[in-house]
Amino acid sequence: MGRKDMEQWIQEESQHLRDRVQTFKAEPFDPSFLLSLSMCNVICCLVFGQRFKYEDEKFLSLLQILKNTLRFDSTPWGQMYNVFPRIVEHLPGSHNTAFCRD
């Protein structure tokens, strides 16, 4: 994978983003979610070798897991878990659900 591949992925994703923005037909909207999807799609292209549609359930689920993990890491429990993982996992609290699988 070279620089050319990355440039092509970024250009392709920017085209998908532009197409999605045009669907709003000059109505006001919050672009932050679309920009997040676009940026994550570029990263997925680099890591997984494929892009996901913005409506793809797997993609949205992956983003939700990432969001929850980052949110947990910024809490005091998350910081304690990073320093003392073996101790914190034995303590009661809502932090125990952070890494459980549904």
PDB file of N, CA and C in Angstrom:
ATOM      1  N   MET A   1       0.856  -1.167   0.000  1.00  0.00           N
ATOM      2  CA  MET A   1       0.000   0.000   0.000  1.00  0.00           C
ATOM      3  C   MET A   1       0.900   1.227   0.000  1.00  0.00           C
ATOM      4  N   GLY A   2       0.722   2.064  -0.968  1.00  0.00           N
ATOM      5  CA  GLY A   2       1.548   3.250  -1.068  1.00  0.00           C
ATOM      6  C   GLY A   2       0.750   4.516  -0.905  1.00  0.00           C
ATOM      7  N   ARG A   3       1.443   5.599  -1.134  1.00  0.00           N
ATOM      8  CA  ARG A   3       0.822   6.907  -0.992  1.00  0.00           C
ATOM      9  C   ARG A   3      -0.324   7.082  -1.992  1.00  0.00           C
ATOM     10  N   LYS A   4      -0.136   6.522  -3.178  1.00  0.00           N
ATOM     11  CA  LYS A   4      -1.159   6.639  -4.222  1.00  0.00           C
ATOM     12  C   LYS A   4      -2.482   6.011  -3.764  1.00  0.00           C
ATOM     13  N   ASP A   5      -2.403   4.843  -3.135  1.00  0.00           N
ATOM     14  CA  ASP A   5      -3.616   4.187  -2.643  1.00  0.00           C
ATOM     15  C   ASP A   5      -4.333   5.047  -1.614  1.00  0.00           C
ATOM     16  N   MET A   6      -3.575   5.609  -0.684  1.00  0.00           N
ATOM     17  CA  MET A   6      -4.187   6.445   0.349  1.00  0.00           C
ATOM     18  C   MET A   6      -4.853   7.665  -0.269  1.00  0.00           C
ATOM     19  N   GLU A   7      -4.184   8.281  -1.227  1.00  0.00           N
ATOM     20  CA  GLU A   7      -4.773   9.446  -1.888  1.00  0.00           C
ATOM     21  C   GLU A   7      -6.071   9.072  -2.592  1.00  0.00           C
ATOM     22  N   GLN A   8      -6.082   7.932  -3.238  1.00  0.00           N
ATOM     23  CA  GLN A   8      -7.295   7.491  -3.933  1.00  0.00           C
ATOM     24  C   GLN A   8      -8.433   7.239  -2.950  1.00  0.00           C
ATOM     25  N   TRP A   9      -8.125   6.616  -1.814  1.00  0.00           N
ATOM     26  CA  TRP A   9      -9.163   6.368  -0.806  1.00  0.00           C
ATOM     27  C   TRP A   9      -9.726   7.677  -0.266  1.00  0.00           C
ATOM     28  N   ILE A  10      -8.841   8.619  -0.008  1.00  0.00           N
ATOM     29  CA  ILE A  10      -9.292   9.909   0.524  1.00  0.00           C
ATOM     30  C   ILE A  10     -10.137  10.644  -0.512  1.00  0.00           C
ATOM     31  N   GLN A  11      -9.708  10.612  -1.765  1.00  0.00           N
ATOM     32  CA  GLN A  11     -10.488  11.262  -2.820  1.00  0.00           C
ATOM     33  C   GLN A  11     -11.845  10.587  -3.007  1.00  0.00           C
ATOM     34  N   GLU A  12     -11.853   9.271  -2.960  1.00  0.00           N
ATOM     35  CA  GLU A  12     -13.113   8.541  -3.094  1.00  0.00           C
ATOM     36  C   GLU A  12     -14.055   8.874  -1.942  1.00  0.00           C
ATOM     37  N   GLU A  13     -13.512   8.912  -0.737  1.00  0.00           N
ATOM     38  CA  GLU A  13     -14.348   9.213   0.424  1.00  0.00           C
ATOM     39  C   GLU A  13     -14.853  10.647   0.381  1.00  0.00           C
ATOM     40  N   SER A  14     -14.024  11.567  -0.081  1.00  0.00           N
ATOM     41  CA  SER A  14     -14.474  12.957  -0.183  1.00  0.00           C
ATOM     42  C   SER A  14     -15.608  13.086  -1.198  1.00  0.00           C
ATOM     43  N   GLN A  15     -15.578  12.272  -2.237  1.00  0.00           N
ATOM     44  CA  GLN A  15     -16.670  12.265  -3.216  1.00  0.00           C
ATOM     45  C   GLN A  15     -17.966  11.753  -2.571  1.00  0.00           C
ATOM     46  N   HIS A  16     -17.861  10.685  -1.776  1.00  0.00           N
ATOM     47  CA  HIS A  16     -19.046  10.166  -1.071  1.00  0.00           C
ATOM     48  C   HIS A  16     -19.587  11.204  -0.089  1.00  0.00           C
ATOM     49  N   LEU A  17     -18.686  11.892   0.593  1.00  0.00           N
ATOM     50  CA  LEU A  17     -19.100  12.931   1.539  1.00  0.00           C
ATOM     51  C   LEU A  17     -19.804  14.071   0.798  1.00  0.00           C
ATOM     52  N   ARG A  18     -19.231  14.489  -0.311  1.00  0.00           N
ATOM     53  CA  ARG A  18     -19.841  15.561  -1.099  1.00  0.00           C
ATOM     54  C   ARG A  18     -21.234  15.163  -1.585  1.00  0.00           C
ATOM     55  N   ASP A  19     -21.361  13.921  -2.050  1.00  0.00           N
ATOM     56  CA  ASP A  19     -22.669  13.440  -2.509  1.00  0.00           C
ATOM     57  C   ASP A  19     -23.691  13.458  -1.375  1.00  0.00           C
ATOM     58  N   ARG A  20     -23.261  13.067  -0.187  1.00  0.00           N
ATOM     59  CA  ARG A  20     -24.175  13.043   0.960  1.00  0.00           C
ATOM     60  C   ARG A  20     -24.565  14.457   1.378  1.00  0.00           C
ATOM     61  N   VAL A  21     -23.610  15.372   1.354  1.00  0.00           N
ATOM     62  CA  VAL A  21     -23.910  16.760   1.725  1.00  0.00           C
ATOM     63  C   VAL A  21     -24.906  17.365   0.738  1.00  0.00           C
ATOM     64  N   GLN A  22     -24.796  17.019  -0.526  1.00  0.00           N
ATOM     65  CA  GLN A  22     -25.709  17.564  -1.534  1.00  0.00           C
ATOM     66  C   GLN A  22     -27.150  17.097  -1.327  1.00  0.00           C
ATOM     67  N   THR A  23     -27.343  15.996  -0.622  1.00  0.00           N
ATOM     68  CA  THR A  23     -28.713  15.526  -0.376  1.00  0.00           C
ATOM     69  C   THR A  23     -29.483  16.446   0.570  1.00  0.00           C
ATOM     70  N   PHE A  24     -28.771  17.313   1.285  1.00  0.00           N
ATOM     71  CA  PHE A  24     -29.438  18.231   2.209  1.00  0.00           C
ATOM     72  C   PHE A  24     -30.010  19.453   1.498  1.00  0.00           C
ATOM     73  N   LYS A  25     -29.667  19.647   0.228  1.00  0.00           N
ATOM     74  CA  LYS A  25     -30.253  20.685  -0.636  1.00  0.00           C
ATOM     75  C   LYS A  25     -30.283  22.059   0.022  1.00  0.00           C
ATOM     76  N   ALA A  26     -29.154  22.512   0.476  1.00  0.00           N
ATOM     77  CA  ALA A  26     -28.966  23.855   1.041  1.00  0.00           C
ATOM     78  C   ALA A  26     -29.720  24.075   2.350  1.00  0.00           C
ATOM     79  N   GLU A  27     -30.237  23.023   2.952  1.00  0.00           N
ATOM     80  CA  GLU A  27     -30.855  23.149   4.269  1.00  0.00           C
ATOM     81  C   GLU A  27     -29.754  23.081   5.327  1.00  0.00           C
ATOM     82  N   PRO A  28     -29.918  23.776   6.429  1.00  0.00           N
ATOM     83  CA  PRO A  28     -28.894  23.709   7.476  1.00  0.00           C
ATOM     84  C   PRO A  28     -28.853  22.323   8.123  1.00  0.00           C
ATOM     85  N   PHE A  29     -27.655  21.863   8.437  1.00  0.00           N
ATOM     86  CA  PHE A  29     -27.471  20.574   9.105  1.00  0.00           C
ATOM     87  C   PHE A  29     -26.150  20.598   9.853  1.00  0.00           C
ATOM     88  N   ASP A  30     -26.009  19.682  10.786  1.00  0.00           N
ATOM     89  CA  ASP A  30     -24.775  19.565  11.565  1.00  0.00           C
ATOM     90  C   ASP A  30     -23.844  18.598  10.840  1.00  0.00           C
ATOM     91  N   PRO A  31     -22.723  19.076  10.310  1.00  0.00           N
ATOM     92  CA  PRO A  31     -21.838  18.209   9.529  1.00  0.00           C
ATOM     93  C   PRO A  31     -20.917  17.336  10.374  1.00  0.00           C
ATOM     94  N   SER A  32     -20.925  17.500  11.687  1.00  0.00           N
ATOM     95  CA  SER A  32     -19.944  16.785  12.518  1.00  0.00           C
ATOM     96  C   SER A  32     -20.086  15.269  12.409  1.00  0.00           C
ATOM     97  N   PHE A  33     -21.314  14.758  12.379  1.00  0.00           N
ATOM     98  CA  PHE A  33     -21.498  13.310  12.280  1.00  0.00           C
ATOM     99  C   PHE A  33     -21.021  12.794  10.928  1.00  0.00           C
ATOM    100  N   LEU A  34     -21.367  13.502   9.854  1.00  0.00           N
ATOM    101  CA  LEU A  34     -20.910  13.092   8.522  1.00  0.00           C
ATOM    102  C   LEU A  34     -19.391  13.144   8.408  1.00  0.00           C
ATOM    103  N   LEU A  35     -18.784  14.171   8.980  1.00  0.00           N
ATOM    104  CA  LEU A  35     -17.322  14.267   8.943  1.00  0.00           C
ATOM    105  C   LEU A  35     -16.682  13.132   9.737  1.00  0.00           C
ATOM    106  N   SER A  36     -17.301  12.766  10.854  1.00  0.00           N
ATOM    107  CA  SER A  36     -16.796  11.630  11.636  1.00  0.00           C
ATOM    108  C   SER A  36     -16.895  10.337  10.840  1.00  0.00           C
ATOM    109  N   LEU A  37     -18.030  10.133  10.178  1.00  0.00           N
ATOM    110  CA  LEU A  37     -18.195   8.937   9.353  1.00  0.00           C
ATOM    111  C   LEU A  37     -17.153   8.895   8.244  1.00  0.00           C
ATOM    112  N   SER A  38     -16.943  10.026   7.623  1.00  0.00           N
ATOM    113  CA  SER A  38     -15.993  10.100   6.519  1.00  0.00           C
ATOM    114  C   SER A  38     -14.568   9.811   6.995  1.00  0.00           C
ATOM    115  N   MET A  39     -14.177  10.445   8.091  1.00  0.00           N
ATOM    116  CA  MET A  39     -12.839  10.227   8.627  1.00  0.00           C
ATOM    117  C   MET A  39     -12.645   8.770   9.051  1.00  0.00           C
ATOM    118  N   CYS A  40     -13.640   8.206   9.705  1.00  0.00           N
ATOM    119  CA  CYS A  40     -13.546   6.806  10.126  1.00  0.00           C
ATOM    120  C   CYS A  40     -13.510   5.867   8.932  1.00  0.00           C
ATOM    121  N   ASN A  41     -14.183   6.228   7.868  1.00  0.00           N
ATOM    122  CA  ASN A  41     -14.154   5.407   6.668  1.00  0.00           C
ATOM    123  C   ASN A  41     -12.769   5.399   6.030  1.00  0.00           C
ATOM    124  N   VAL A  42     -12.082   6.528   6.048  1.00  0.00           N
ATOM    125  CA  VAL A  42     -10.710   6.570   5.524  1.00  0.00           C
ATOM    126  C   VAL A  42      -9.818   5.661   6.359  1.00  0.00           C
ATOM    127  N   ILE A  43      -9.976   5.715   7.675  1.00  0.00           N
ATOM    128  CA  ILE A  43      -9.185   4.852   8.557  1.00  0.00           C
ATOM    129  C   ILE A  43      -9.528   3.389   8.310  1.00  0.00           C
ATOM    130  N   CYS A  44     -10.806   3.078   8.126  1.00  0.00           N
ATOM    131  CA  CYS A  44     -11.209   1.695   7.827  1.00  0.00           C
ATOM    132  C   CYS A  44     -10.603   1.215   6.514  1.00  0.00           C
ATOM    133  N   CYS A  45     -10.517   2.100   5.537  1.00  0.00           N
ATOM    134  CA  CYS A  45      -9.876   1.726   4.274  1.00  0.00           C
ATOM    135  C   CYS A  45      -8.416   1.364   4.501  1.00  0.00           C
ATOM    136  N   LEU A  46      -7.751   2.108   5.354  1.00  0.00           N
ATOM    137  CA  LEU A  46      -6.343   1.826   5.638  1.00  0.00           C
ATOM    138  C   LEU A  46      -6.177   0.542   6.442  1.00  0.00           C
ATOM    139  N   VAL A  47      -7.053   0.324   7.411  1.00  0.00           N
ATOM    140  CA  VAL A  47      -6.923  -0.827   8.304  1.00  0.00           C
ATOM    141  C   VAL A  47      -7.514  -2.094   7.696  1.00  0.00           C
ATOM    142  N   PHE A  48      -8.739  -2.002   7.176  1.00  0.00           N
ATOM    143  CA  PHE A  48      -9.453  -3.183   6.692  1.00  0.00           C
ATOM    144  C   PHE A  48      -9.392  -3.361   5.178  1.00  0.00           C
ATOM    145  N   GLY A  49      -8.977  -2.318   4.459  1.00  0.00           N
ATOM    146  CA  GLY A  49      -8.898  -2.411   3.007  1.00  0.00           C
ATOM    147  C   GLY A  49     -10.229  -2.240   2.307  1.00  0.00           C
ATOM    148  N   GLN A  50     -11.236  -1.729   2.994  1.00  0.00           N
ATOM    149  CA  GLN A  50     -12.545  -1.488   2.378  1.00  0.00           C
ATOM    150  C   GLN A  50     -13.222  -0.320   3.062  1.00  0.00           C
ATOM    151  N   ARG A  51     -14.136   0.310   2.349  1.00  0.00           N
ATOM    152  CA  ARG A  51     -14.930   1.371   2.951  1.00  0.00           C
ATOM    153  C   ARG A  51     -16.320   0.821   3.235  1.00  0.00           C
ATOM    154  N   PHE A  52     -17.006   1.459   4.146  1.00  0.00           N
ATOM    155  CA  PHE A  52     -18.359   1.060   4.511  1.00  0.00           C
ATOM    156  C   PHE A  52     -19.335   2.133   4.054  1.00  0.00           C
ATOM    157  N   LYS A  53     -20.549   1.722   3.735  1.00  0.00           N
ATOM    158  CA  LYS A  53     -21.599   2.699   3.472  1.00  0.00           C
ATOM    159  C   LYS A  53     -21.941   3.370   4.792  1.00  0.00           C
ATOM    160  N   TYR A  54     -22.393   4.609   4.703  1.00  0.00           N
ATOM    161  CA  TYR A  54     -22.711   5.353   5.918  1.00  0.00           C
ATOM    162  C   TYR A  54     -23.856   4.728   6.701  1.00  0.00           C
ATOM    163  N   GLU A  55     -24.692   3.936   6.060  1.00  0.00           N
ATOM    164  CA  GLU A  55     -25.834   3.303   6.731  1.00  0.00           C
ATOM    165  C   GLU A  55     -25.519   1.892   7.206  1.00  0.00           C
ATOM    166  N   ASP A  56     -24.335   1.382   6.931  1.00  0.00           N
ATOM    167  CA  ASP A  56     -23.965   0.004   7.264  1.00  0.00           C
ATOM    168  C   ASP A  56     -24.036  -0.219   8.776  1.00  0.00           C
ATOM    169  N   GLU A  57     -24.797  -1.231   9.183  1.00  0.00           N
ATOM    170  CA  GLU A  57     -24.994  -1.512  10.610  1.00  0.00           C
ATOM    171  C   GLU A  57     -23.679  -1.881  11.302  1.00  0.00           C
ATOM    172  N   LYS A  58     -22.832  -2.663  10.631  1.00  0.00           N
ATOM    173  CA  LYS A  58     -21.540  -3.027  11.226  1.00  0.00           C
ATOM    174  C   LYS A  58     -20.690  -1.785  11.470  1.00  0.00           C
ATOM    175  N   PHE A  59     -20.662  -0.904  10.498  1.00  0.00           N
ATOM    176  CA  PHE A  59     -19.880   0.324  10.590  1.00  0.00           C
ATOM    177  C   PHE A  59     -20.383   1.199  11.727  1.00  0.00           C
ATOM    178  N   LEU A  60     -21.690   1.395  11.795  1.00  0.00           N
ATOM    179  CA  LEU A  60     -22.267   2.217  12.857  1.00  0.00           C
ATOM    180  C   LEU A  60     -22.059   1.581  14.226  1.00  0.00           C
ATOM    181  N   SER A  61     -22.123   0.253  14.292  1.00  0.00           N
ATOM    182  CA  SER A  61     -21.873  -0.452  15.544  1.00  0.00           C
ATOM    183  C   SER A  61     -20.419  -0.286  15.975  1.00  0.00           C
ATOM    184  N   LEU A  62     -19.505  -0.390  15.028  1.00  0.00           N
ATOM    185  CA  LEU A  62     -18.084  -0.193  15.314  1.00  0.00           C
ATOM    186  C   LEU A  62     -17.826   1.211  15.845  1.00  0.00           C
ATOM    187  N   LEU A  63     -18.456   2.193  15.242  1.00  0.00           N
ATOM    188  CA  LEU A  63     -18.296   3.573  15.701  1.00  0.00           C
ATOM    189  C   LEU A  63     -18.883   3.773  17.095  1.00  0.00           C
ATOM    190  N   GLN A  64     -20.007   3.117  17.378  1.00  0.00           N
ATOM    191  CA  GLN A  64     -20.618   3.228  18.707  1.00  0.00           C
ATOM    192  C   GLN A  64     -19.715   2.611  19.772  1.00  0.00           C
ATOM    193  N   ILE A  65     -19.124   1.462  19.457  1.00  0.00           N
ATOM    194  CA  ILE A  65     -18.195   0.817  20.392  1.00  0.00           C
ATOM    195  C   ILE A  65     -16.991   1.716  20.640  1.00  0.00           C
ATOM    196  N   LEU A  66     -16.463   2.292  19.583  1.00  0.00           N
ATOM    197  CA  LEU A  66     -15.321   3.194  19.708  1.00  0.00           C
ATOM    198  C   LEU A  66     -15.679   4.410  20.553  1.00  0.00           C
ATOM    199  N   LYS A  67     -16.850   4.971  20.315  1.00  0.00           N
ATOM    200  CA  LYS A  67     -17.309   6.132  21.079  1.00  0.00           C
ATOM    201  C   LYS A  67     -17.442   5.796  22.565  1.00  0.00           C
ATOM    202  N   ASN A  68     -18.048   4.646  22.871  1.00  0.00           N
ATOM    203  CA  ASN A  68     -18.213   4.237  24.267  1.00  0.00           C
ATOM    204  C   ASN A  68     -16.876   3.979  24.941  1.00  0.00           C
ATOM    205  N   THR A  69     -15.947   3.374  24.216  1.00  0.00           N
ATOM    206  CA  THR A  69     -14.630   3.093  24.781  1.00  0.00           C
ATOM    207  C   THR A  69     -13.889   4.384  25.078  1.00  0.00           C
ATOM    208  N   LEU A  70     -13.916   5.322  24.152  1.00  0.00           N
ATOM    209  CA  LEU A  70     -13.240   6.598  24.378  1.00  0.00           C
ATOM    210  C   LEU A  70     -13.895   7.373  25.508  1.00  0.00           C
ATOM    211  N   ARG A  71     -15.217   7.295  25.597  1.00  0.00           N
ATOM    212  CA  ARG A  71     -15.921   7.970  26.687  1.00  0.00           C
ATOM    213  C   ARG A  71     -15.527   7.341  28.030  1.00  0.00           C
ATOM    214  N   PHE A  72     -15.443   5.999  28.072  1.00  0.00           N
ATOM    215  CA  PHE A  72     -15.060   5.310  29.304  1.00  0.00           C
ATOM    216  C   PHE A  72     -13.632   5.671  29.715  1.00  0.00           C
ATOM    217  N   ASP A  73     -12.725   5.729  28.743  1.00  0.00           N
ATOM    218  CA  ASP A  73     -11.326   6.037  29.053  1.00  0.00           C
ATOM    219  C   ASP A  73     -11.145   7.415  29.669  1.00  0.00           C
ATOM    220  N   SER A  74     -12.072   8.326  29.415  1.00  0.00           N
ATOM    221  CA  SER A  74     -11.936   9.675  29.955  1.00  0.00           C
ATOM    222  C   SER A  74     -12.552   9.822  31.351  1.00  0.00           C
ATOM    223  N   THR A  75     -13.176   8.761  31.862  1.00  0.00           N
ATOM    224  CA  THR A  75     -13.763   8.821  33.200  1.00  0.00           C
ATOM    225  C   THR A  75     -12.718   8.434  34.248  1.00  0.00           C
ATOM    226  N   PRO A  76     -12.959   8.773  35.510  1.00  0.00           N
ATOM    227  CA  PRO A  76     -12.028   8.337  36.557  1.00  0.00           C
ATOM    228  C   PRO A  76     -11.894   6.814  36.621  1.00  0.00           C
ATOM    229  N   TRP A  77     -13.014   6.075  36.429  1.00  0.00           N
ATOM    230  CA  TRP A  77     -12.929   4.609  36.427  1.00  0.00           C
ATOM    231  C   TRP A  77     -12.051   4.118  35.282  1.00  0.00           C
ATOM    232  N   GLY A  78     -12.170   4.738  34.132  1.00  0.00           N
ATOM    233  CA  GLY A  78     -11.357   4.348  32.982  1.00  0.00           C
ATOM    234  C   GLY A  78      -9.881   4.590  33.222  1.00  0.00           C
ATOM    235  N   GLN A  79      -9.574   5.699  33.848  1.00  0.00           N
ATOM    236  CA  GLN A  79      -8.175   5.994  34.149  1.00  0.00           C
ATOM    237  C   GLN A  79      -7.635   5.036  35.206  1.00  0.00           C
ATOM    238  N   MET A  80      -8.464   4.717  36.203  1.00  0.00           N
ATOM    239  CA  MET A  80      -8.048   3.731  37.208  1.00  0.00           C
ATOM    240  C   MET A  80      -7.835   2.367  36.559  1.00  0.00           C
ATOM    241  N   TYR A  81      -8.730   2.006  35.627  1.00  0.00           N
ATOM    242  CA  TYR A  81      -8.617   0.720  34.945  1.00  0.00           C
ATOM    243  C   TYR A  81      -7.323   0.639  34.150  1.00  0.00           C
ATOM    244  N   ASN A  82      -6.916   1.745  33.530  1.00  0.00           N
ATOM    245  CA  ASN A  82      -5.671   1.748  32.766  1.00  0.00           C
ATOM    246  C   ASN A  82      -4.449   1.564  33.653  1.00  0.00           C
ATOM    247  N   VAL A  83      -4.521   2.047  34.881  1.00  0.00           N
ATOM    248  CA  VAL A  83      -3.383   1.935  35.797  1.00  0.00           C
ATOM    249  C   VAL A  83      -3.419   0.619  36.571  1.00  0.00           C
ATOM    250  N   PHE A  84      -4.589   0.246  37.083  1.00  0.00           N
ATOM    251  CA  PHE A  84      -4.725  -0.952  37.914  1.00  0.00           C
ATOM    252  C   PHE A  84      -5.814  -1.884  37.370  1.00  0.00           C
ATOM    253  N   PRO A  85      -5.639  -2.484  36.216  1.00  0.00           N
ATOM    254  CA  PRO A  85      -6.732  -3.270  35.616  1.00  0.00           C
ATOM    255  C   PRO A  85      -7.151  -4.470  36.448  1.00  0.00           C
ATOM    256  N   ARG A  86      -6.224  -5.160  37.073  1.00  0.00           N
ATOM    257  CA  ARG A  86      -6.569  -6.364  37.840  1.00  0.00           C
ATOM    258  C   ARG A  86      -7.313  -6.037  39.128  1.00  0.00           C
ATOM    259  N   ILE A  87      -7.066  -4.879  39.680  1.00  0.00           N
ATOM    260  CA  ILE A  87      -7.756  -4.486  40.911  1.00  0.00           C
ATOM    261  C   ILE A  87      -9.152  -3.958  40.598  1.00  0.00           C
ATOM    262  N   VAL A  88      -9.245  -3.093  39.605  1.00  0.00           N
ATOM    263  CA  VAL A  88     -10.516  -2.440  39.290  1.00  0.00           C
ATOM    264  C   VAL A  88     -11.569  -3.437  38.814  1.00  0.00           C
ATOM    265  N   GLU A  89     -11.162  -4.488  38.125  1.00  0.00           N
ATOM    266  CA  GLU A  89     -12.164  -5.436  37.624  1.00  0.00           C
ATOM    267  C   GLU A  89     -12.866  -6.192  38.745  1.00  0.00           C
ATOM    268  N   HIS A  90     -12.311  -6.181  39.957  1.00  0.00           N
ATOM    269  CA  HIS A  90     -12.946  -6.853  41.096  1.00  0.00           C
ATOM    270  C   HIS A  90     -13.824  -5.909  41.919  1.00  0.00           C
ATOM    271  N   LEU A  91     -13.782  -4.621  41.634  1.00  0.00           N
ATOM    272  CA  LEU A  91     -14.580  -3.651  42.370  1.00  0.00           C
ATOM    273  C   LEU A  91     -15.971  -3.534  41.744  1.00  0.00           C
ATOM    274  N   PRO A  92     -17.008  -3.342  42.569  1.00  0.00           N
ATOM    275  CA  PRO A  92     -18.358  -3.185  42.011  1.00  0.00           C
ATOM    276  C   PRO A  92     -18.526  -1.804  41.383  1.00  0.00           C
ATOM    277  N   GLY A  93     -19.395  -1.738  40.401  1.00  0.00           N
ATOM    278  CA  GLY A  93     -19.688  -0.447  39.777  1.00  0.00           C
ATOM    279  C   GLY A  93     -20.067  -0.596  38.320  1.00  0.00           C
ATOM    280  N   SER A  94     -20.487   0.519  37.746  1.00  0.00           N
ATOM    281  CA  SER A  94     -20.926   0.504  36.346  1.00  0.00           C
ATOM    282  C   SER A  94     -19.776   0.298  35.374  1.00  0.00           C
ATOM    283  N   HIS A  95     -18.552   0.459  35.832  1.00  0.00           N
ATOM    284  CA  HIS A  95     -17.397   0.265  34.952  1.00  0.00           C
ATOM    285  C   HIS A  95     -17.283  -1.184  34.480  1.00  0.00           C
ATOM    286  N   ASN A  96     -17.916  -2.108  35.187  1.00  0.00           N
ATOM    287  CA  ASN A  96     -17.839  -3.523  34.805  1.00  0.00           C
ATOM    288  C   ASN A  96     -18.557  -3.813  33.487  1.00  0.00           C
ATOM    289  N   THR A  97     -19.469  -2.953  33.085  1.00  0.00           N
ATOM    290  CA  THR A  97     -20.184  -3.170  31.825  1.00  0.00           C
ATOM    291  C   THR A  97     -19.460  -2.575  30.622  1.00  0.00           C
ATOM    292  N   ALA A  98     -18.374  -1.863  30.842  1.00  0.00           N
ATOM    293  CA  ALA A  98     -17.691  -1.178  29.741  1.00  0.00           C
ATOM    294  C   ALA A  98     -17.133  -2.143  28.713  1.00  0.00           C
ATOM    295  N   PHE A  99     -16.630  -3.285  29.155  1.00  0.00           N
ATOM    296  CA  PHE A  99     -15.994  -4.208  28.227  1.00  0.00           C
ATOM    297  C   PHE A  99     -16.752  -5.520  28.069  1.00  0.00           C
ATOM    298  N   CYS A 100     -17.965  -5.596  28.597  1.00  0.00           N
ATOM    299  CA  CYS A 100     -18.726  -6.831  28.425  1.00  0.00           C
ATOM    300  C   CYS A 100     -19.322  -6.868  27.028  1.00  0.00           C
ATOM    301  N   ARG A 101     -19.533  -8.072  26.529  1.00  0.00           N
ATOM    302  CA  ARG A 101     -20.109  -8.240  25.194  1.00  0.00           C
ATOM    303  C   ARG A 101     -21.577  -8.579  25.336  1.00  0.00           C
ATOM    304  N   ASP A 102     -22.382  -7.903  24.548  1.00  0.00           N
ATOM    305  CA  ASP A 102     -23.833  -8.164  24.584  1.00  0.00           C
ATOM    306  C   ASP A 102     -24.178  -9.334  23.712  1.00  0.00           C
TER     307      ASP A 102
END
